[in-house]
PDB file of N, CA and C in Angstrom:
ATOM      1  N   MET A   1      86.318 138.929 246.732  1.00  0.00           N
ATOM      2  CA  MET A   1      87.432 139.049 245.808  1.00  0.00           C
ATOM      3  C   MET A   1      88.720 139.152 246.632  1.00  0.00           C
ATOM      4  N   ASN A   2      89.730 138.349 246.285  1.00  0.00           N
ATOM      5  CA  ASN A   2      90.974 138.368 247.064  1.00  0.00           C
ATOM      6  C   ASN A   2      91.958 139.405 246.522  1.00  0.00           C
ATOM      7  N   THR A   3      93.034 139.628 247.274  1.00  0.00           N
ATOM      8  CA  THR A   3      93.993 140.671 246.896  1.00  0.00           C
ATOM      9  C   THR A   3      94.717 140.359 245.596  1.00  0.00           C
ATOM     10  N   THR A   4      94.937 139.085 245.291  1.00  0.00           N
ATOM     11  CA  THR A   4      95.587 138.729 244.031  1.00  0.00           C
ATOM     12  C   THR A   4      94.706 139.116 242.853  1.00  0.00           C
ATOM     13  N   THR A   5      93.415 138.817 242.949  1.00  0.00           N
ATOM     14  CA  THR A   5      92.481 139.171 241.879  1.00  0.00           C
ATOM     15  C   THR A   5      92.402 140.682 241.715  1.00  0.00           C
ATOM     16  N   ILE A   6      92.348 141.399 242.817  1.00  0.00           N
ATOM     17  CA  ILE A   6      92.307 142.866 242.766  1.00  0.00           C
ATOM     18  C   ILE A   6      93.589 143.400 242.125  1.00  0.00           C
ATOM     19  N   GLY A   7      94.719 142.858 242.556  1.00  0.00           N
ATOM     20  CA  GLY A   7      96.008 143.290 242.012  1.00  0.00           C
ATOM     21  C   GLY A   7      96.126 143.046 240.524  1.00  0.00           C
ATOM     22  N   ARG A   8      95.722 141.871 240.073  1.00  0.00           N
ATOM     23  CA  ARG A   8      95.804 141.553 238.641  1.00  0.00           C
ATOM     24  C   ARG A   8      94.879 142.453 237.825  1.00  0.00           C
ATOM     25  N   GLY A   9      93.709 142.775 238.389  1.00  0.00           N
ATOM     26  CA  GLY A   9      92.799 143.696 237.705  1.00  0.00           C
ATOM     27  C   GLY A   9      93.402 145.083 237.579  1.00  0.00           C
ATOM     28  N   GLY A  10      94.060 145.537 238.633  1.00  0.00           N
ATOM     29  CA  GLY A  10      94.738 146.829 238.588  1.00  0.00           C
ATOM     30  C   GLY A  10      95.872 146.827 237.579  1.00  0.00           C
ATOM     31  N   GLU A  11      96.610 145.728 237.508  1.00  0.00           N
ATOM     32  CA  GLU A  11      97.703 145.618 236.531  1.00  0.00           C
ATOM     33  C   GLU A  11      97.168 145.675 235.108  1.00  0.00           C
ATOM     34  N   ALA A  12      96.043 145.013 234.854  1.00  0.00           N
ATOM     35  CA  ALA A  12      95.440 145.038 233.511  1.00  0.00           C
ATOM     36  C   ALA A  12      95.016 146.457 233.147  1.00  0.00           C
ATOM     37  N   ARG A  13      94.423 147.176 234.097  1.00  0.00           N
ATOM     38  CA  ARG A  13      94.037 148.566 233.832  1.00  0.00           C
ATOM     39  C   ARG A  13      95.255 149.438 233.559  1.00  0.00           C
ATOM     40  N   ALA A  14      96.313 149.240 234.346  1.00  0.00           N
ATOM     41  CA  ALA A  14      97.540 150.020 234.163  1.00  0.00           C
ATOM     42  C   ALA A  14      98.181 149.720 232.811  1.00  0.00           C
ATOM     43  N   GLN A  15      98.194 148.447 232.431  1.00  0.00           N
ATOM     44  CA  GLN A  15      98.766 148.070 231.134  1.00  0.00           C
ATOM     45  C   GLN A  15      97.995 148.734 230.000  1.00  0.00           C
ATOM     46  N   PHE A  16      96.685 148.683 230.050  1.00  0.00           N
ATOM     47  CA  PHE A  16      95.856 149.309 229.026  1.00  0.00           C
ATOM     48  C   PHE A  16      96.122 150.812 228.969  1.00  0.00           C
ATOM     49  N   TYR A  17      96.195 151.440 230.122  1.00  0.00           N
ATOM     50  CA  TYR A  17      96.465 152.875 230.220  1.00  0.00           C
ATOM     51  C   TYR A  17      97.787 153.215 229.521  1.00  0.00           C
ATOM     52  N   LEU A  18      98.829 152.456 229.826  1.00  0.00           N
ATOM     53  CA  LEU A  18     100.144 152.718 229.241  1.00  0.00           C
ATOM     54  C   LEU A  18     100.165 152.436 227.739  1.00  0.00           C
ATOM     55  N   GLU A  19      99.543 151.341 227.327  1.00  0.00           N
ATOM     56  CA  GLU A  19      99.525 151.018 225.893  1.00  0.00           C
ATOM     57  C   GLU A  19      98.792 152.089 225.093  1.00  0.00           C
ATOM     58  N   GLU A  20      97.757 152.671 225.675  1.00  0.00           N
ATOM     59  CA  GLU A  20      97.057 153.772 225.001  1.00  0.00           C
ATOM     60  C   GLU A  20      97.974 154.969 224.790  1.00  0.00           C
ATOM     61  N   ARG A  21      99.024 155.065 225.583  1.00  0.00           N
ATOM     62  CA  ARG A  21      99.962 156.179 225.501  1.00  0.00           C
ATOM     63  C   ARG A  21     101.251 155.816 224.782  1.00  0.00           C
ATOM     64  N   GLY A  22     101.236 154.690 224.067  1.00  0.00           N
ATOM     65  CA  GLY A  22     102.361 154.327 223.224  1.00  0.00           C
ATOM     66  C   GLY A  22     103.404 153.417 223.840  1.00  0.00           C
ATOM     67  N   TYR A  23     103.166 152.941 225.042  1.00  0.00           N
ATOM     68  CA  TYR A  23     104.095 152.003 225.672  1.00  0.00           C
ATOM     69  C   TYR A  23     103.858 150.606 225.096  1.00  0.00           C
ATOM     70  N   LYS A  24     104.918 149.832 225.047  1.00  0.00           N
ATOM     71  CA  LYS A  24     104.834 148.450 224.561  1.00  0.00           C
ATOM     72  C   LYS A  24     105.135 147.499 225.723  1.00  0.00           C
ATOM     73  N   LEU A  25     104.292 146.485 225.887  1.00  0.00           N
ATOM     74  CA  LEU A  25     104.518 145.502 226.947  1.00  0.00           C
ATOM     75  C   LEU A  25     105.670 144.581 226.580  1.00  0.00           C
ATOM     76  N   LEU A  26     106.635 144.466 227.488  1.00  0.00           N
ATOM     77  CA  LEU A  26     107.734 143.509 227.325  1.00  0.00           C
ATOM     78  C   LEU A  26     107.496 142.261 228.172  1.00  0.00           C
ATOM     79  N   ARG A  27     106.968 142.462 229.383  1.00  0.00           N
ATOM     80  CA  ARG A  27     106.758 141.331 230.285  1.00  0.00           C
ATOM     81  C   ARG A  27     105.764 141.723 231.366  1.00  0.00           C
ATOM     82  N   ARG A  28     104.966 140.763 231.779  1.00  0.00           N
ATOM     83  CA  ARG A  28     104.021 140.979 232.870  1.00  0.00           C
ATOM     84  C   ARG A  28     104.355 139.992 233.983  1.00  0.00           C
ATOM     85  N   ASN A  29     104.369 140.467 235.206  1.00  0.00           N
ATOM     86  CA  ASN A  29     104.646 139.643 236.385  1.00  0.00           C
ATOM     87  C   ASN A  29     105.972 138.893 236.280  1.00  0.00           C
ATOM     88  N   TYR A  30     107.031 139.628 235.969  1.00  0.00           N
ATOM     89  CA  TYR A  30     108.370 139.046 235.903  1.00  0.00           C
ATOM     90  C   TYR A  30     108.820 138.677 237.309  1.00  0.00           C
ATOM     91  N   ARG A  31     109.251 137.435 237.468  1.00  0.00           N
ATOM     92  CA  ARG A  31     109.718 136.955 238.774  1.00  0.00           C
ATOM     93  C   ARG A  31     111.206 136.650 238.727  1.00  0.00           C
ATOM     94  N   ASN A  32     111.864 137.023 239.816  1.00  0.00           N
ATOM     95  CA  ASN A  32     113.260 136.687 240.032  1.00  0.00           C
ATOM     96  C   ASN A  32     113.378 136.326 241.500  1.00  0.00           C
ATOM     97  N   GLY A  33     113.355 135.029 241.777  1.00  0.00           N
ATOM     98  CA  GLY A  33     113.321 134.584 243.174  1.00  0.00           C
ATOM     99  C   GLY A  33     112.049 135.095 243.828  1.00  0.00           C
ATOM    100  N   PRO A  34     112.169 135.699 244.994  1.00  0.00           N
ATOM    101  CA  PRO A  34     110.975 136.198 245.692  1.00  0.00           C
ATOM    102  C   PRO A  34     110.514 137.572 245.185  1.00  0.00           C
ATOM    103  N   ARG A  35     111.232 138.115 244.229  1.00  0.00           N
ATOM    104  CA  ARG A  35     110.936 139.454 243.738  1.00  0.00           C
ATOM    105  C   ARG A  35     110.061 139.387 242.489  1.00  0.00           C
ATOM    106  N   GLU A  36     109.161 140.387 242.351  1.00  0.00           N
ATOM    107  CA  GLU A  36     108.301 140.435 241.179  1.00  0.00           C
ATOM    108  C   GLU A  36     108.144 141.871 240.711  1.00  0.00           C
ATOM    109  N   ILE A  37     108.154 142.032 239.404  1.00  0.00           N
ATOM    110  CA  ILE A  37     107.860 143.329 238.787  1.00  0.00           C
ATOM    111  C   ILE A  37     106.533 143.169 238.066  1.00  0.00           C
ATOM    112  N   ASP A  38     105.588 144.053 238.383  1.00  0.00           N
ATOM    113  CA  ASP A  38     104.240 143.929 237.824  1.00  0.00           C
ATOM    114  C   ASP A  38     104.239 144.023 236.304  1.00  0.00           C
ATOM    115  N   LEU A  39     104.798 145.105 235.774  1.00  0.00           N
ATOM    116  CA  LEU A  39     104.829 145.311 234.326  1.00  0.00           C
ATOM    117  C   LEU A  39     106.212 145.802 233.922  1.00  0.00           C
ATOM    118  N   ILE A  40     106.696 145.273 232.822  1.00  0.00           N
ATOM    119  CA  ILE A  40     107.912 145.811 232.214  1.00  0.00           C
ATOM    120  C   ILE A  40     107.483 146.297 230.840  1.00  0.00           C
ATOM    121  N   MET A  41     107.623 147.601 230.637  1.00  0.00           N
ATOM    122  CA  MET A  41     107.153 148.242 229.418  1.00  0.00           C
ATOM    123  C   MET A  41     108.338 148.898 228.719  1.00  0.00           C
ATOM    124  N   GLN A  42     108.104 149.300 227.488  1.00  0.00           N
ATOM    125  CA  GLN A  42     109.113 150.054 226.751  1.00  0.00           C
ATOM    126  C   GLN A  42     108.440 151.252 226.118  1.00  0.00           C
ATOM    127  N   VAL A  43     109.065 152.405 226.265  1.00  0.00           N
ATOM    128  CA  VAL A  43     108.613 153.619 225.588  1.00  0.00           C
ATOM    129  C   VAL A  43     109.858 154.230 224.954  1.00  0.00           C
ATOM    130  N   GLY A  44     109.821 154.378 223.631  1.00  0.00           N
ATOM    131  CA  GLY A  44     111.028 154.789 222.927  1.00  0.00           C
ATOM    132  C   GLY A  44     112.090 153.737 223.141  1.00  0.00           C
ATOM    133  N   CYS A  45     113.258 154.161 223.568  1.00  0.00           N
ATOM    134  CA  CYS A  45     114.340 153.194 223.831  1.00  0.00           C
ATOM    135  C   CYS A  45     114.488 152.910 225.329  1.00  0.00           C
ATOM    136  N   THR A  46     113.563 153.400 226.149  1.00  0.00           N
ATOM    137  CA  THR A  46     113.651 153.243 227.599  1.00  0.00           C
ATOM    138  C   THR A  46     112.832 152.058 228.094  1.00  0.00           C
ATOM    139  N   VAL A  47     113.464 151.231 228.924  1.00  0.00           N
ATOM    140  CA  VAL A  47     112.754 150.139 229.594  1.00  0.00           C
ATOM    141  C   VAL A  47     112.176 150.721 230.882  1.00  0.00           C
ATOM    142  N   VAL A  48     110.876 150.491 231.088  1.00  0.00           N
ATOM    143  CA  VAL A  48     110.184 151.060 232.238  1.00  0.00           C
ATOM    144  C   VAL A  48     109.674 149.927 233.115  1.00  0.00           C
ATOM    145  N   PHE A  49     110.147 149.899 234.358  1.00  0.00           N
ATOM    146  CA  PHE A  49     109.702 148.921 235.339  1.00  0.00           C
ATOM    147  C   PHE A  49     108.571 149.570 236.132  1.00  0.00           C
ATOM    148  N   VAL A  50     107.396 148.956 236.079  1.00  0.00           N
ATOM    149  CA  VAL A  50     106.196 149.578 236.638  1.00  0.00           C
ATOM    150  C   VAL A  50     105.684 148.784 237.831  1.00  0.00           C
ATOM    151  N   GLU A  51     105.550 149.476 238.941  1.00  0.00           N
ATOM    152  CA  GLU A  51     104.911 148.923 240.126  1.00  0.00           C
ATOM    153  C   GLU A  51     103.488 149.478 240.154  1.00  0.00           C
ATOM    154  N   VAL A  52     102.514 148.576 240.199  1.00  0.00           N
ATOM    155  CA  VAL A  52     101.106 148.969 240.196  1.00  0.00           C
ATOM    156  C   VAL A  52     100.559 148.797 241.613  1.00  0.00           C
ATOM    157  N   LYS A  53      99.936 149.837 242.121  1.00  0.00           N
ATOM    158  CA  LYS A  53      99.314 149.792 243.446  1.00  0.00           C
ATOM    159  C   LYS A  53      97.849 150.156 243.287  1.00  0.00           C
ATOM    160  N   SER A  54      96.978 149.245 243.686  1.00  0.00           N
ATOM    161  CA  SER A  54      95.532 149.440 243.586  1.00  0.00           C
ATOM    162  C   SER A  54      94.956 149.593 244.988  1.00  0.00           C
ATOM    163  N   ARG A  55      94.152 150.607 245.170  1.00  0.00           N
ATOM    164  CA  ARG A  55      93.516 150.852 246.467  1.00  0.00           C
ATOM    165  C   ARG A  55      92.115 151.410 246.247  1.00  0.00           C
ATOM    166  N   SER A  56      91.231 151.098 247.177  1.00  0.00           N
ATOM    167  CA  SER A  56      89.883 151.658 247.117  1.00  0.00           C
ATOM    168  C   SER A  56      89.760 152.854 248.051  1.00  0.00           C
ATOM    169  N   LYS A  57      90.645 152.944 249.039  1.00  0.00           N
ATOM    170  CA  LYS A  57      90.608 154.043 250.000  1.00  0.00           C
ATOM    171  C   LYS A  57      92.013 154.583 250.207  1.00  0.00           C
ATOM    172  N   THR A  58      92.080 155.828 250.603  1.00  0.00           N
ATOM    173  CA  THR A  58      93.387 156.424 250.894  1.00  0.00           C
ATOM    174  C   THR A  58      93.488 156.817 252.372  1.00  0.00           C
ATOM    175  N   ASP A  59      92.715 156.148 253.208  1.00  0.00           N
ATOM    176  CA  ASP A  59      92.717 156.450 254.641  1.00  0.00           C
ATOM    177  C   ASP A  59      94.118 156.316 255.255  1.00  0.00           C
ATOM    178  N   TYR A  60      94.897 155.410 254.737  1.00  0.00           N
ATOM    179  CA  TYR A  60      96.230 155.154 255.287  1.00  0.00           C
ATOM    180  C   TYR A  60      97.342 155.633 254.363  1.00  0.00           C
ATOM    181  N   GLY A  61      97.003 156.460 253.389  1.00  0.00           N
ATOM    182  CA  GLY A  61      97.991 156.999 252.469  1.00  0.00           C
ATOM    183  C   GLY A  61      97.653 156.665 251.029  1.00  0.00           C
ATOM    184  N   THR A  62      98.347 157.326 250.130  1.00  0.00           N
ATOM    185  CA  THR A  62      98.141 157.075 248.709  1.00  0.00           C
ATOM    186  C   THR A  62      98.724 155.712 248.342  1.00  0.00           C
ATOM    187  N   PRO A  63      98.282 155.137 247.249  1.00  0.00           N
ATOM    188  CA  PRO A  63      98.858 153.847 246.837  1.00  0.00           C
ATOM    189  C   PRO A  63     100.381 153.892 246.707  1.00  0.00           C
ATOM    190  N   ALA A  64     100.920 154.972 246.161  1.00  0.00           N
ATOM    191  CA  ALA A  64     102.372 155.063 245.961  1.00  0.00           C
ATOM    192  C   ALA A  64     103.138 155.039 247.271  1.00  0.00           C
ATOM    193  N   GLU A  65     102.507 155.483 248.347  1.00  0.00           N
ATOM    194  CA  GLU A  65     103.184 155.473 249.644  1.00  0.00           C
ATOM    195  C   GLU A  65     103.431 154.061 250.163  1.00  0.00           C
ATOM    196  N   PHE A  66     102.806 153.081 249.537  1.00  0.00           N
ATOM    197  CA  PHE A  66     103.019 151.687 249.919  1.00  0.00           C
ATOM    198  C   PHE A  66     104.210 151.065 249.186  1.00  0.00           C
ATOM    199  N   VAL A  67     104.866 151.843 248.331  1.00  0.00           N
ATOM    200  CA  VAL A  67     106.106 151.386 247.696  1.00  0.00           C
ATOM    201  C   VAL A  67     107.229 151.836 248.636  1.00  0.00           C
ATOM    202  N   THR A  68     107.467 151.010 249.613  1.00  0.00           N
ATOM    203  CA  THR A  68     108.397 151.316 250.703  1.00  0.00           C
ATOM    204  C   THR A  68     109.848 151.212 250.239  1.00  0.00           C
ATOM    205  N   PRO A  69     110.779 151.713 251.024  1.00  0.00           N
ATOM    206  CA  PRO A  69     112.196 151.536 250.676  1.00  0.00           C
ATOM    207  C   PRO A  69     112.570 150.063 250.489  1.00  0.00           C
ATOM    208  N   ALA A  70     112.028 149.180 251.303  1.00  0.00           N
ATOM    209  CA  ALA A  70     112.319 147.747 251.149  1.00  0.00           C
ATOM    210  C   ALA A  70     111.786 147.235 249.808  1.00  0.00           C
ATOM    211  N   LYS A  71     110.587 147.655 249.431  1.00  0.00           N
ATOM    212  CA  LYS A  71     110.008 147.248 248.145  1.00  0.00           C
ATOM    213  C   LYS A  71     110.839 147.803 247.002  1.00  0.00           C
ATOM    214  N   ARG A  72     111.317 149.018 247.134  1.00  0.00           N
ATOM    215  CA  ARG A  72     112.163 149.623 246.095  1.00  0.00           C
ATOM    216  C   ARG A  72     113.440 148.819 245.893  1.00  0.00           C
ATOM    217  N   ARG A  73     114.032 148.363 246.994  1.00  0.00           N
ATOM    218  CA  ARG A  73     115.250 147.540 246.881  1.00  0.00           C
ATOM    219  C   ARG A  73     114.956 146.238 246.142  1.00  0.00           C
ATOM    220  N   LEU A  74     113.831 145.592 246.472  1.00  0.00           N
ATOM    221  CA  LEU A  74     113.448 144.355 245.782  1.00  0.00           C
ATOM    222  C   LEU A  74     113.224 144.596 244.298  1.00  0.00           C
ATOM    223  N   LEU A  75     112.536 145.684 243.973  1.00  0.00           N
ATOM    224  CA  LEU A  75     112.283 146.011 242.565  1.00  0.00           C
ATOM    225  C   LEU A  75     113.592 146.288 241.820  1.00  0.00           C
ATOM    226  N   THR A  76     114.497 146.981 242.485  1.00  0.00           N
ATOM    227  CA  THR A  76     115.792 147.281 241.869  1.00  0.00           C
ATOM    228  C   THR A  76     116.552 145.998 241.546  1.00  0.00           C
ATOM    229  N   ARG A  77     116.579 145.052 242.497  1.00  0.00           N
ATOM    230  CA  ARG A  77     117.289 143.780 242.273  1.00  0.00           C
ATOM    231  C   ARG A  77     116.643 142.992 241.133  1.00  0.00           C
ATOM    232  N   ALA A  78     115.323 142.953 241.106  1.00  0.00           N
ATOM    233  CA  ALA A  78     114.630 142.234 240.030  1.00  0.00           C
ATOM    234  C   ALA A  78     114.886 142.906 238.683  1.00  0.00           C
ATOM    235  N   ALA A  79     114.889 144.231 238.660  1.00  0.00           N
ATOM    236  CA  ALA A  79     115.148 144.960 237.409  1.00  0.00           C
ATOM    237  C   ALA A  79     116.560 144.686 236.907  1.00  0.00           C
ATOM    238  N   GLU A  80     117.523 144.687 237.802  1.00  0.00           N
ATOM    239  CA  GLU A  80     118.904 144.373 237.422  1.00  0.00           C
ATOM    240  C   GLU A  80     118.978 142.978 236.807  1.00  0.00           C
ATOM    241  N   ALA A  81     118.310 142.018 237.436  1.00  0.00           N
ATOM    242  CA  ALA A  81     118.317 140.643 236.925  1.00  0.00           C
ATOM    243  C   ALA A  81     117.690 140.589 235.535  1.00  0.00           C
ATOM    244  N   TYR A  82     116.582 141.277 235.339  1.00  0.00           N
ATOM    245  CA  TYR A  82     115.915 141.284 234.031  1.00  0.00           C
ATOM    246  C   TYR A  82     116.832 141.880 232.959  1.00  0.00           C
ATOM    247  N   LEU A  83     117.433 143.013 233.264  1.00  0.00           N
ATOM    248  CA  LEU A  83     118.304 143.671 232.276  1.00  0.00           C
ATOM    249  C   LEU A  83     119.484 142.779 231.899  1.00  0.00           C
ATOM    250  N   ILE A  84     120.058 142.109 232.878  1.00  0.00           N
ATOM    251  CA  ILE A  84     121.178 141.186 232.597  1.00  0.00           C
ATOM    252  C   ILE A  84     120.685 140.001 231.777  1.00  0.00           C
ATOM    253  N   GLU A  85     119.569 139.409 232.200  1.00  0.00           N
ATOM    254  CA  GLU A  85     119.004 138.247 231.506  1.00  0.00           C
ATOM    255  C   GLU A  85     118.696 138.551 230.037  1.00  0.00           C
ATOM    256  N   MET A  86     118.220 139.755 229.777  1.00  0.00           N
ATOM    257  CA  MET A  86     117.817 140.129 228.419  1.00  0.00           C
ATOM    258  C   MET A  86     118.942 140.812 227.635  1.00  0.00           C
ATOM    259  N   GLY A  87     120.116 140.981 228.244  1.00  0.00           N
ATOM    260  CA  GLY A  87     121.232 141.637 227.565  1.00  0.00           C
ATOM    261  C   GLY A  87     120.971 143.112 227.308  1.00  0.00           C
ATOM    262  N   LEU A  88     120.290 143.771 228.244  1.00  0.00           N
ATOM    263  CA  LEU A  88     119.902 145.171 228.060  1.00  0.00           C
ATOM    264  C   LEU A  88     120.572 146.103 229.068  1.00  0.00           C
ATOM    265  N   THR A  89     121.759 145.744 229.521  1.00  0.00           N
ATOM    266  CA  THR A  89     122.401 146.538 230.571  1.00  0.00           C
ATOM    267  C   THR A  89     122.839 147.923 230.100  1.00  0.00           C
ATOM    268  N   ASP A  90     122.848 148.152 228.796  1.00  0.00           N
ATOM    269  CA  ASP A  90     123.298 149.444 228.279  1.00  0.00           C
ATOM    270  C   ASP A  90     122.145 150.331 227.798  1.00  0.00           C
ATOM    271  N   VAL A  91     120.911 149.991 228.122  1.00  0.00           N
ATOM    272  CA  VAL A  91     119.771 150.805 227.696  1.00  0.00           C
ATOM    273  C   VAL A  91     119.264 151.641 228.873  1.00  0.00           C
ATOM    274  N   PRO A  92     118.659 152.799 228.576  1.00  0.00           N
ATOM    275  CA  PRO A  92     118.086 153.583 229.669  1.00  0.00           C
ATOM    276  C   PRO A  92     116.912 152.844 230.310  1.00  0.00           C
ATOM    277  N   ALA A  93     116.783 153.004 231.613  1.00  0.00           N
ATOM    278  CA  ALA A  93     115.693 152.350 232.337  1.00  0.00           C
ATOM    279  C   ALA A  93     115.232 153.280 233.456  1.00  0.00           C
ATOM    280  N   ARG A  94     113.988 153.084 233.865  1.00  0.00           N
ATOM    281  CA  ARG A  94     113.456 153.879 234.967  1.00  0.00           C
ATOM    282  C   ARG A  94     112.387 153.082 235.705  1.00  0.00           C
ATOM    283  N   PHE A  95     112.004 153.595 236.881  1.00  0.00           N
ATOM    284  CA  PHE A  95     110.959 152.985 237.687  1.00  0.00           C
ATOM    285  C   PHE A  95     109.770 153.938 237.764  1.00  0.00           C
ATOM    286  N   ASP A  96     108.601 153.451 237.384  1.00  0.00           N
ATOM    287  CA  ASP A  96     107.359 154.214 237.480  1.00  0.00           C
ATOM    288  C   ASP A  96     106.429 153.522 238.462  1.00  0.00           C
ATOM    289  N   VAL A  97     105.519 154.284 239.025  1.00  0.00           N
ATOM    290  CA  VAL A  97     104.454 153.736 239.856  1.00  0.00           C
ATOM    291  C   VAL A  97     103.132 154.175 239.238  1.00  0.00           C
ATOM    292  N   ILE A  98     102.210 153.228 239.145  1.00  0.00           N
ATOM    293  CA  ILE A  98     100.856 153.537 238.684  1.00  0.00           C
ATOM    294  C   ILE A  98      99.912 153.295 239.856  1.00  0.00           C
ATOM    295  N   GLU A  99      99.184 154.328 240.218  1.00  0.00           N
ATOM    296  CA  GLU A  99      98.170 154.217 241.257  1.00  0.00           C
ATOM    297  C   GLU A  99      96.825 153.987 240.577  1.00  0.00           C
ATOM    298  N   VAL A 100      96.167 152.905 240.928  1.00  0.00           N
ATOM    299  CA  VAL A 100      94.843 152.585 240.403  1.00  0.00           C
ATOM    300  C   VAL A 100      93.856 152.731 241.553  1.00  0.00           C
ATOM    301  N   TYR A 101      92.891 153.619 241.366  1.00  0.00           N
ATOM    302  CA  TYR A 101      91.884 153.859 242.394  1.00  0.00           C
ATOM    303  C   TYR A 101      90.645 153.043 242.062  1.00  0.00           C
ATOM    304  N   LEU A 102      90.426 152.009 242.861  1.00  0.00           N
ATOM    305  CA  LEU A 102      89.337 151.065 242.617  1.00  0.00           C
ATOM    306  C   LEU A 102      87.983 151.740 242.798  1.00  0.00           C
ATOM    307  N   GLY A 103      87.037 151.321 241.972  1.00  0.00           N
ATOM    308  CA  GLY A 103      85.694 151.878 242.037  1.00  0.00           C
ATOM    309  C   GLY A 103      85.574 153.205 241.318  1.00  0.00           C
ATOM    310  N   THR A 104      86.673 153.636 240.680  1.00  0.00           N
ATOM    311  CA  THR A 104      86.669 154.875 239.895  1.00  0.00           C
ATOM    312  C   THR A 104      87.404 154.599 238.587  1.00  0.00           C
ATOM    313  N   ASP A 105      87.436 155.587 237.725  1.00  0.00           N
ATOM    314  CA  ASP A 105      88.226 155.491 236.494  1.00  0.00           C
ATOM    315  C   ASP A 105      89.593 156.140 236.671  1.00  0.00           C
ATOM    316  N   GLN A 106      89.907 156.545 237.885  1.00  0.00           N
ATOM    317  CA  GLN A 106      91.116 157.316 238.138  1.00  0.00           C
ATOM    318  C   GLN A 106      92.366 156.440 238.183  1.00  0.00           C
ATOM    319  N   ILE A 107      93.354 156.884 237.409  1.00  0.00           N
ATOM    320  CA  ILE A 107      94.685 156.277 237.403  1.00  0.00           C
ATOM    321  C   ILE A 107      95.683 157.419 237.473  1.00  0.00           C
ATOM    322  N   HIS A 108      96.685 157.275 238.316  1.00  0.00           N
ATOM    323  CA  HIS A 108      97.720 158.297 238.448  1.00  0.00           C
ATOM    324  C   HIS A 108      99.064 157.654 238.115  1.00  0.00           C
ATOM    325  N   HIS A 109      99.732 158.188 237.102  1.00  0.00           N
ATOM    326  CA  HIS A 109     101.006 157.655 236.630  1.00  0.00           C
ATOM    327  C   HIS A 109     102.131 158.547 237.144  1.00  0.00           C
ATOM    328  N   ILE A 110     103.026 157.954 237.914  1.00  0.00           N
ATOM    329  CA  ILE A 110     104.183 158.690 238.450  1.00  0.00           C
ATOM    330  C   ILE A 110     105.423 158.193 237.708  1.00  0.00           C
ATOM    331  N   GLU A 111     105.908 159.006 236.781  1.00  0.00           N
ATOM    332  CA  GLU A 111     107.115 158.650 236.028  1.00  0.00           C
ATOM    333  C   GLU A 111     108.335 158.929 236.900  1.00  0.00           C
ATOM    334  N   ASN A 112     109.381 158.105 236.731  1.00  0.00           N
ATOM    335  CA  ASN A 112     110.609 158.262 237.517  1.00  0.00           C
ATOM    336  C   ASN A 112     110.273 158.375 239.001  1.00  0.00           C
ATOM    337  N   ALA A 113     109.454 157.467 239.488  1.00  0.00           N
ATOM    338  CA  ALA A 113     108.957 157.542 240.866  1.00  0.00           C
ATOM    339  C   ALA A 113     110.070 157.401 241.897  1.00  0.00           C
ATOM    340  N   PHE A 114     111.119 156.665 241.553  1.00  0.00           N
ATOM    341  CA  PHE A 114     112.245 156.519 242.470  1.00  0.00           C
ATOM    342  C   PHE A 114     113.468 156.073 241.692  1.00  0.00           C
ATOM    343  N   ASP A 115     114.625 156.279 242.303  1.00  0.00           N
ATOM    344  CA  ASP A 115     115.888 155.842 241.707  1.00  0.00           C
ATOM    345  C   ASP A 115     116.226 154.445 242.202  1.00  0.00           C
ATOM    346  N   ALA A 116     117.042 153.749 241.423  1.00  0.00           N
ATOM    347  CA  ALA A 116     117.509 152.419 241.826  1.00  0.00           C
ATOM    348  C   ALA A 116     118.244 152.547 243.162  1.00  0.00           C
ATOM    349  N   THR A 117     117.958 151.596 244.055  1.00  0.00           N
ATOM    350  CA  THR A 117     118.609 151.620 245.372  1.00  0.00           C
ATOM    351  C   THR A 117     119.328 150.335 245.648  1.00  0.00           C
TER     352      THR A 117
END
């Protein structure tokens, strides 16, 4: 199984997890140039940009630790583009990280995981 297949499976699990908690899917795998946002969800009036990290081991750190400052900058730029494209520049928005632990049922949702950079 390749990393793309693993990643897409983790995204599907994260989407299901969020939808069970009342989130609504707005977009999956939104691309803006070389940047991609895994899931764009809405809860209440807030747009939530979700980075999904799937790992089977934590030998080198938790999945969220792989959302580096460089990745945060890319996500921020893509989120800005999405909000402008959709005419949503005046709505609240945040960045969440979902850690999916492969081979288990464990999912860890980190709300407001980082600020726009």
